[in-house]
């Protein structure tokens, strides 16, 4: 990855990357993507909104959790392989210890009605965070080669096919993704 073109700030060291991604992971337990955009773009200024959307798009097509892929890409962007490992370690080390502790507690208290109710409530919070992130990132539609109408049509088609028609995600996303890529290529033209 090349250095960011318009982001004003950059992390000072791999340690700063590790600390920032650890804090990011601890803030967004169960929904780090919403926090990642806010921290990396709005608070730290390490990426512009457009750069974040590009990195997110790449992270979504790569294998593995999106936010871990984002941490690898951002770390690599600034410090190469060392930065990638530092950012990924920040995403994984402390949360892994907490998840192991929570697993031990859950196995002990899973049958308690208050615990079951709290977990159901957290599902609603996670859904709200995802919707908030989508709305926040929706502002970058104005620079998308798809155009606002095609972007909204693709989003509506995705919701209708997966959420309403219950078609498998593994078939819907490649089909709509290829259609969106073809539409963008048609509007922009082939690369020189």
Protein backbone atom coordinates (compact mmCIF):
# COMPACT_ATOMS: atom_id res chain seq x y z
CA UNK A 1 0.00 0.00 0.00
CA UNK A 2 1.21 3.49 -0.70
CA UNK A 3 1.26 6.26 1.86
CA UNK A 4 -2.01 8.12 2.31
CA UNK A 5 -2.39 11.07 -0.02
CA UNK A 6 -4.51 13.43 2.03
CA UNK A 7 -4.67 12.16 5.62
CA UNK A 8 -2.89 14.78 7.71
CA UNK A 9 -1.75 12.67 10.66
CA UNK A 10 0.15 9.42 10.93
CA UNK A 11 1.06 7.13 13.82
CA UNK A 12 4.44 7.92 15.34
CA UNK A 13 5.47 4.31 15.97
CA UNK A 14 4.41 0.67 15.95
CA UNK A 15 3.75 1.06 19.67
CA UNK A 16 1.23 3.82 18.94
CA UNK A 17 -0.44 1.52 16.39
CA UNK A 18 -0.61 -1.28 18.96
CA UNK A 19 -2.07 0.98 21.66
CA UNK A 20 -4.57 2.60 19.28
CA UNK A 21 -5.85 -0.74 17.95
CA UNK A 22 -6.00 -2.20 21.46
CA UNK A 23 -8.11 0.77 22.60
CA UNK A 24 -10.20 0.46 19.45
CA UNK A 25 -10.82 -3.25 20.08
CA UNK A 26 -11.79 -2.63 23.69
CA UNK A 27 -14.22 0.16 22.77
CA UNK A 28 -16.12 -1.83 20.21
CA UNK A 29 -16.54 -5.27 21.69
CA UNK A 30 -18.94 -6.98 19.29
CA UNK A 31 -18.92 -4.11 16.80
CA UNK A 32 -15.42 -2.77 16.22
CA UNK A 33 -16.07 -1.64 12.65
CA UNK A 34 -18.27 1.23 13.79
CA UNK A 35 -15.59 2.38 16.21
CA UNK A 36 -12.76 1.85 13.70
CA UNK A 37 -14.14 4.43 11.29
CA UNK A 38 -14.64 6.97 14.08
CA UNK A 39 -11.16 6.44 15.56
CA UNK A 40 -9.06 6.11 12.39
CA UNK A 41 -10.81 8.85 10.39
CA UNK A 42 -12.34 11.33 12.80
CA UNK A 43 -10.19 11.14 15.94
CA UNK A 44 -6.73 10.10 14.78
CA UNK A 45 -6.94 11.48 11.24
CA UNK A 46 -4.76 8.65 9.96
CA UNK A 47 -7.13 8.09 7.02
CA UNK A 48 -9.61 10.16 5.09
CA UNK A 49 -13.19 8.87 4.86
CA UNK A 50 -12.58 7.86 1.23
CA UNK A 51 -9.40 5.97 2.16
CA UNK A 52 -11.26 4.17 4.94
CA UNK A 53 -14.03 3.14 2.53
CA UNK A 54 -11.44 1.82 0.06
CA UNK A 55 -9.64 -0.13 2.80
CA UNK A 56 -12.96 -1.47 4.11
CA UNK A 57 -13.92 -2.65 0.62
CA UNK A 58 -10.61 -4.50 0.30
CA UNK A 59 -10.93 -5.89 3.84
CA UNK A 60 -14.37 -7.29 3.02
CA UNK A 61 -13.18 -9.30 0.04
CA UNK A 62 -10.17 -10.70 1.89
CA UNK A 63 -10.54 -13.80 4.04
CA UNK A 64 -11.02 -13.21 7.76
CA UNK A 65 -12.61 -10.61 10.01
CA UNK A 66 -12.95 -7.21 8.33
CA UNK A 67 -11.54 -5.19 11.19
CA UNK A 68 -8.48 -7.46 11.50
CA UNK A 69 -7.88 -7.00 7.78
CA UNK A 70 -8.22 -3.23 8.26
CA UNK A 71 -5.65 -3.32 11.06
CA UNK A 72 -3.22 -5.24 8.85
CA UNK A 73 -3.68 -2.82 5.94
CA UNK A 74 -3.34 0.31 8.08
CA UNK A 75 -0.31 -1.08 9.94
CA UNK A 76 1.34 -2.04 6.65
CA UNK A 77 0.57 1.35 5.15
CA UNK A 78 2.64 3.15 7.77
CA UNK A 79 5.30 0.68 8.99
CA UNK A 80 5.28 -2.28 6.65
CA UNK A 81 5.22 -5.79 8.07
CA UNK A 82 6.15 -4.62 11.60
CA UNK A 83 3.23 -2.21 11.60
CA UNK A 84 0.85 -4.85 10.30
CA UNK A 85 1.80 -7.21 13.11
CA UNK A 86 1.66 -4.45 15.74
CA UNK A 87 -1.82 -3.32 14.67
CA UNK A 88 -3.13 -6.90 14.46
CA UNK A 89 -1.65 -7.73 17.88
CA UNK A 90 -3.41 -4.66 19.25
CA UNK A 91 -6.70 -5.99 17.88
CA UNK A 92 -6.18 -9.49 19.27
CA UNK A 93 -4.13 -9.79 22.48
CA UNK A 94 -6.21 -8.08 25.18
CA UNK A 95 -9.60 -8.96 23.62
CA UNK A 96 -8.56 -12.61 23.41
CA UNK A 97 -7.78 -12.66 27.15
CA UNK A 98 -11.14 -11.01 27.89
CA UNK A 99 -13.06 -13.44 25.66
CA UNK A 100 -11.43 -16.41 27.38
CA UNK A 101 -12.41 -15.00 30.77
CA UNK A 102 -15.96 -14.25 29.57
CA UNK A 103 -16.27 -17.79 28.20
CA UNK A 104 -15.38 -19.22 31.59
CA UNK A 105 -17.95 -16.96 33.27
CA UNK A 106 -20.64 -17.67 30.66
CA UNK A 107 -20.30 -21.42 31.06
CA UNK A 108 -20.94 -20.90 34.75
CA UNK A 109 -23.84 -18.39 34.55
CA UNK A 110 -25.52 -19.07 31.17
CA UNK A 111 -28.77 -20.28 32.74
CA UNK A 112 -29.32 -17.12 34.81
CA UNK A 113 -32.29 -15.20 33.25
CA UNK A 114 -30.64 -11.79 33.72
CA UNK A 115 -27.58 -12.95 31.78
CA UNK A 116 -29.72 -14.31 28.92
CA UNK A 117 -31.70 -11.05 28.76
CA UNK A 118 -28.56 -8.95 28.76
CA UNK A 119 -27.14 -10.91 25.85
CA UNK A 120 -30.36 -10.42 23.84
CA UNK A 121 -30.17 -6.69 24.52
CA UNK A 122 -26.56 -6.58 23.31
CA UNK A 123 -27.73 -8.00 19.98
CA UNK A 124 -29.91 -4.92 19.47
CA UNK A 125 -26.98 -2.65 20.36
CA UNK A 126 -24.75 -4.39 17.80
CA UNK A 127 -27.41 -3.98 15.09
CA UNK A 128 -27.67 -0.27 15.92
CA UNK A 129 -23.90 0.15 15.66
CA UNK A 130 -23.89 -1.46 12.22
CA UNK A 131 -26.69 0.81 11.00
CA UNK A 132 -24.88 3.85 12.41
CA UNK A 133 -21.68 2.90 10.59
CA UNK A 134 -23.56 2.41 7.32
CA UNK A 135 -25.15 5.85 7.66
CA UNK A 136 -21.82 7.47 8.51
CA UNK A 137 -20.01 5.84 5.59
CA UNK A 138 -22.93 6.68 3.31
CA UNK A 139 -21.58 10.23 3.12
CA UNK A 140 -18.79 8.97 0.88
CA UNK A 141 -21.38 8.00 -1.76
CA UNK A 142 -20.85 11.35 -3.46
CA UNK A 143 -17.36 10.29 -4.60
CA UNK A 144 -18.30 6.73 -5.57
CA UNK A 145 -18.03 5.90 -9.29
CA UNK A 146 -21.35 4.06 -8.94
CA UNK A 147 -23.27 7.23 -8.24
CA UNK A 148 -25.83 7.71 -5.50
CA UNK A 149 -28.80 6.10 -7.29
CA UNK A 150 -26.91 2.93 -8.24
CA UNK A 151 -25.36 2.68 -4.76
CA UNK A 152 -28.78 2.94 -3.11
CA UNK A 153 -30.25 0.43 -5.59
CA UNK A 154 -27.45 -2.04 -4.81
CA UNK A 155 -28.01 -1.59 -1.06
CA UNK A 156 -31.77 -2.08 -1.43
CA UNK A 157 -31.27 -5.15 -3.64
CA UNK A 158 -28.85 -6.64 -1.10
CA UNK A 159 -31.34 -6.11 1.72
CA UNK A 160 -34.23 -7.50 -0.31
CA UNK A 161 -32.39 -10.60 -1.51
CA UNK A 162 -30.72 -11.49 1.80
CA UNK A 163 -33.07 -10.03 4.40
CA UNK A 164 -36.44 -10.60 2.76
CA UNK A 165 -35.99 -13.39 0.19
CA UNK A 166 -33.49 -15.19 2.47
CA UNK A 167 -31.12 -16.03 -0.38
CA UNK A 168 -27.64 -17.15 0.71
CA UNK A 169 -25.10 -14.36 1.24
CA UNK A 170 -22.48 -16.39 -0.61
CA UNK A 171 -24.52 -16.06 -3.84
CA UNK A 172 -25.98 -12.59 -3.47
CA UNK A 173 -22.83 -10.61 -2.73
CA UNK A 174 -20.74 -11.93 -5.64
CA UNK A 175 -23.64 -11.41 -8.06
CA UNK A 176 -24.41 -7.87 -6.91
CA UNK A 177 -20.71 -7.09 -6.46
CA UNK A 178 -19.94 -8.04 -10.04
CA UNK A 179 -22.94 -6.04 -11.28
CA UNK A 180 -21.76 -2.98 -9.29
CA UNK A 181 -18.20 -3.37 -10.60
CA UNK A 182 -19.49 -3.62 -14.17
CA UNK A 183 -21.65 -0.51 -13.68
CA UNK A 184 -18.73 1.45 -12.20
CA UNK A 185 -16.43 0.29 -15.02
CA UNK A 186 -19.04 1.38 -17.55
CA UNK A 187 -19.26 4.85 -15.96
CA UNK A 188 -15.53 5.36 -15.42
CA UNK A 189 -14.07 3.28 -18.24
CA UNK A 190 -11.12 0.92 -18.17
CA UNK A 191 -7.94 1.89 -16.37
CA UNK A 192 -5.33 3.48 -18.66
